Amino acid sequence: MADGAALWRIARDSKVLDLNSSYSYLLWCRDFAATSAVARDESGEPVGFVTGYVRPDRPDTLLVWQVAVDEAYRGRRLAASLLDGLAERTVAEHGLTTLETTISPDNTASQRLFTSFAERRGARLEREVLFDTDVFPDGPHEPEVLYRIGPLSATG
């Protein structure tokens, strides 16, 4: 739970992610720590994270909610390393076979991250629009495209 404030700051400073309330990051670190991952610098401070949860209606599926890396630590494959480690851990601990995330069309960094993740795992990648622009009640929002990657296995 202690990392919640730092994760909120990293998300805010990314200027790309939809920023949730600070309260939601505190809750996330309390309730979904087992399906999330945090990278730390040499002093132990969070510098990147991947948040996720097991979908209640699809207990074989990890939904990755957000991925962010502090600007000073970008370009070091930290996001890929966090995602690989989280996938390996959750597949082993929870028997998951599928990873999902949503990505807006303008987020090319995330598109590359998840496409290369699927390639490294030798897994199929399917894409479809999950939420179109007209379902967002708070103004203009790009569609959110669902990326479904699987099957995953414990050996990669």
Protein backbone atom coordinates (compact mmCIF):
# COMPACT_ATOMS: atom_id res chain seq x y z
CA MET A 1 0.00 0.00 0.00
CA ALA A 2 2.93 2.31 0.67
CA ASP A 3 3.73 2.50 -3.07
CA GLY A 4 0.34 3.94 -4.04
CA ALA A 5 1.37 7.60 -3.87
CA ALA A 6 4.51 6.97 -5.91
CA LEU A 7 2.57 5.04 -8.56
CA TRP A 8 0.07 7.90 -8.79
CA ARG A 9 2.94 10.38 -9.34
CA ILE A 10 4.57 8.19 -12.01
CA ALA A 11 1.21 7.85 -13.81
CA ARG A 12 0.56 11.59 -13.56
CA ASP A 13 4.01 12.48 -14.83
CA SER A 14 3.71 10.08 -17.79
CA LYS A 15 1.30 12.54 -19.43
CA VAL A 16 0.00 9.58 -21.46
CA LEU A 17 -2.03 7.48 -19.05
CA ASP A 18 -5.55 8.25 -17.95
CA LEU A 19 -4.83 9.42 -14.41
CA ASN A 20 -7.01 7.86 -11.73
CA SER A 21 -7.51 9.33 -8.27
CA SER A 22 -4.66 8.95 -5.80
CA TYR A 23 -7.09 6.93 -3.67
CA SER A 24 -7.44 4.34 -6.44
CA TYR A 25 -3.66 3.78 -6.56
CA LEU A 26 -3.58 3.30 -2.79
CA LEU A 27 -6.38 0.73 -3.03
CA TRP A 28 -4.70 -0.92 -6.00
CA CYS A 29 -1.50 -1.45 -4.04
CA ARG A 30 -3.50 -2.95 -1.19
CA ASP A 31 -5.90 -5.17 -3.14
CA PHE A 32 -4.04 -6.12 -6.32
CA ALA A 33 -0.38 -6.25 -5.29
CA ALA A 34 -0.22 -9.96 -6.16
CA THR A 35 -1.08 -9.21 -9.80
CA SER A 36 1.02 -6.07 -10.16
CA ALA A 37 4.76 -5.33 -10.28
CA VAL A 38 6.89 -2.39 -9.19
CA ALA A 39 10.46 -1.57 -10.28
CA ARG A 40 12.66 0.24 -7.79
CA ASP A 41 15.80 2.32 -8.04
CA GLU A 42 18.95 1.67 -5.96
CA SER A 43 17.41 3.48 -2.97
CA GLY A 44 14.21 1.41 -3.12
CA GLU A 45 11.97 4.13 -4.58
CA PRO A 46 9.41 3.05 -7.23
CA VAL A 47 10.44 4.04 -10.77
CA GLY A 48 8.01 1.97 -12.81
CA PHE A 49 5.01 -0.28 -12.48
CA VAL A 50 2.57 -2.63 -14.13
CA THR A 51 -0.85 -2.94 -12.51
CA GLY A 52 -3.19 -5.80 -13.28
CA TYR A 53 -5.92 -8.04 -11.97
CA VAL A 54 -7.41 -11.44 -12.66
CA ARG A 55 -10.73 -10.96 -14.43
CA PRO A 56 -13.55 -12.27 -12.19
CA ASP A 57 -15.53 -13.66 -15.13
CA ARG A 58 -12.41 -15.14 -16.79
CA PRO A 59 -10.15 -16.46 -14.00
CA ASP A 60 -7.58 -17.60 -16.58
CA THR A 61 -7.02 -14.00 -17.73
CA LEU A 62 -4.79 -11.25 -16.38
CA LEU A 63 -6.00 -7.79 -17.37
CA VAL A 64 -3.09 -5.32 -17.39
CA TRP A 65 -4.51 -1.96 -16.34
CA GLN A 66 -1.56 0.42 -16.57
CA VAL A 67 2.14 0.38 -17.39
CA ALA A 68 4.32 3.38 -16.59
CA VAL A 69 8.02 4.13 -16.16
CA ASP A 70 9.50 7.29 -14.69
CA GLU A 71 10.96 9.43 -17.47
CA ALA A 72 14.51 9.15 -16.08
CA TYR A 73 14.35 5.34 -16.44
CA ARG A 74 12.81 5.04 -19.91
CA GLY A 75 14.68 3.39 -22.76
CA ARG A 76 16.08 0.61 -20.56
CA ARG A 77 13.46 -2.06 -21.39
CA LEU A 78 12.11 -1.68 -17.85
CA ALA A 79 8.46 -1.89 -18.95
CA ALA A 80 9.16 -5.08 -20.93
CA SER A 81 11.06 -6.60 -18.02
CA LEU A 82 8.22 -5.77 -15.59
CA LEU A 83 5.61 -7.19 -17.96
CA ASP A 84 7.60 -10.37 -18.60
CA GLY A 85 8.17 -10.92 -14.89
CA LEU A 86 4.55 -10.28 -13.97
CA ALA A 87 3.30 -12.62 -16.68
CA GLU A 88 5.70 -15.38 -15.66
CA ARG A 89 4.75 -15.02 -11.99
CA THR A 90 0.99 -14.91 -12.52
CA VAL A 91 1.02 -17.80 -14.98
CA ALA A 92 2.94 -19.90 -12.45
CA GLU A 93 0.94 -18.83 -9.37
CA HIS A 94 -2.55 -18.55 -10.84
CA GLY A 95 -2.45 -20.81 -13.90
CA LEU A 96 -3.34 -17.94 -16.21
CA THR A 97 -3.33 -18.58 -19.95
CA THR A 98 -4.29 -15.19 -21.35
CA LEU A 99 -3.19 -11.59 -20.93
CA GLU A 100 -5.41 -8.68 -21.93
CA THR A 101 -4.94 -4.93 -22.02
CA THR A 102 -6.54 -1.99 -23.77
CA ILE A 103 -4.56 0.54 -25.76
CA SER A 104 -5.67 3.72 -27.49
CA PRO A 105 -4.61 4.09 -31.15
CA ASP A 106 -2.25 6.98 -30.37
CA ASN A 107 -0.23 5.03 -27.76
CA THR A 108 2.42 3.54 -30.03
CA ALA A 109 4.77 2.76 -27.13
CA SER A 110 2.20 0.44 -25.55
CA GLN A 111 1.34 -1.09 -28.91
CA ARG A 112 5.03 -1.95 -29.39
CA LEU A 113 5.36 -3.22 -25.80
CA PHE A 114 2.46 -5.67 -26.02
CA THR A 115 3.13 -6.74 -29.61
CA SER A 116 6.74 -7.57 -28.73
CA PHE A 117 5.55 -9.33 -25.54
CA ALA A 118 3.36 -11.63 -27.67
CA GLU A 119 6.26 -12.25 -30.06
CA ARG A 120 8.67 -13.10 -27.21
CA ARG A 121 6.13 -15.56 -25.79
CA GLY A 122 5.27 -17.08 -29.18
CA ALA A 123 1.63 -16.30 -28.42
CA ARG A 124 -1.23 -15.23 -30.64
CA LEU A 125 -2.28 -11.57 -30.49
CA GLU A 126 -5.88 -10.61 -31.26
CA ARG A 127 -7.14 -7.00 -31.41
CA GLU A 128 -10.66 -5.59 -31.36
CA VAL A 129 -12.24 -2.34 -30.26
CA LEU A 130 -13.55 -2.84 -26.72
CA PHE A 131 -14.78 0.68 -25.97
CA ASP A 132 -15.60 2.97 -28.86
CA THR A 133 -15.35 6.76 -28.57
CA ASP A 134 -19.09 7.25 -28.02
CA VAL A 135 -19.26 5.25 -24.76
CA PHE A 136 -17.00 7.59 -22.79
CA PRO A 137 -19.17 10.03 -20.82
CA ASP A 138 -16.42 12.56 -20.07
CA GLY A 139 -15.78 14.02 -23.48
CA PRO A 140 -13.59 13.13 -26.40
CA HIS A 141 -11.67 9.92 -25.87
CA GLU A 142 -9.99 7.70 -28.38
CA PRO A 143 -11.33 4.16 -28.64
CA GLU A 144 -9.73 1.56 -26.40
CA VAL A 145 -8.55 -1.44 -28.40
CA LEU A 146 -8.49 -4.77 -26.56
CA TYR A 147 -5.28 -6.75 -27.03
CA ARG A 148 -5.77 -10.43 -26.11
CA ILE A 149 -2.54 -12.46 -25.96
CA GLY A 150 -2.36 -16.20 -25.47
CA PRO A 151 -2.04 -18.95 -24.83
CA LEU A 152 0.62 -18.28 -22.22
CA SER A 153 2.61 -20.97 -20.49
CA ALA A 154 4.93 -21.03 -17.49
CA THR A 155 7.93 -21.65 -19.70
CA GLY A 156 7.37 -18.55 -21.81
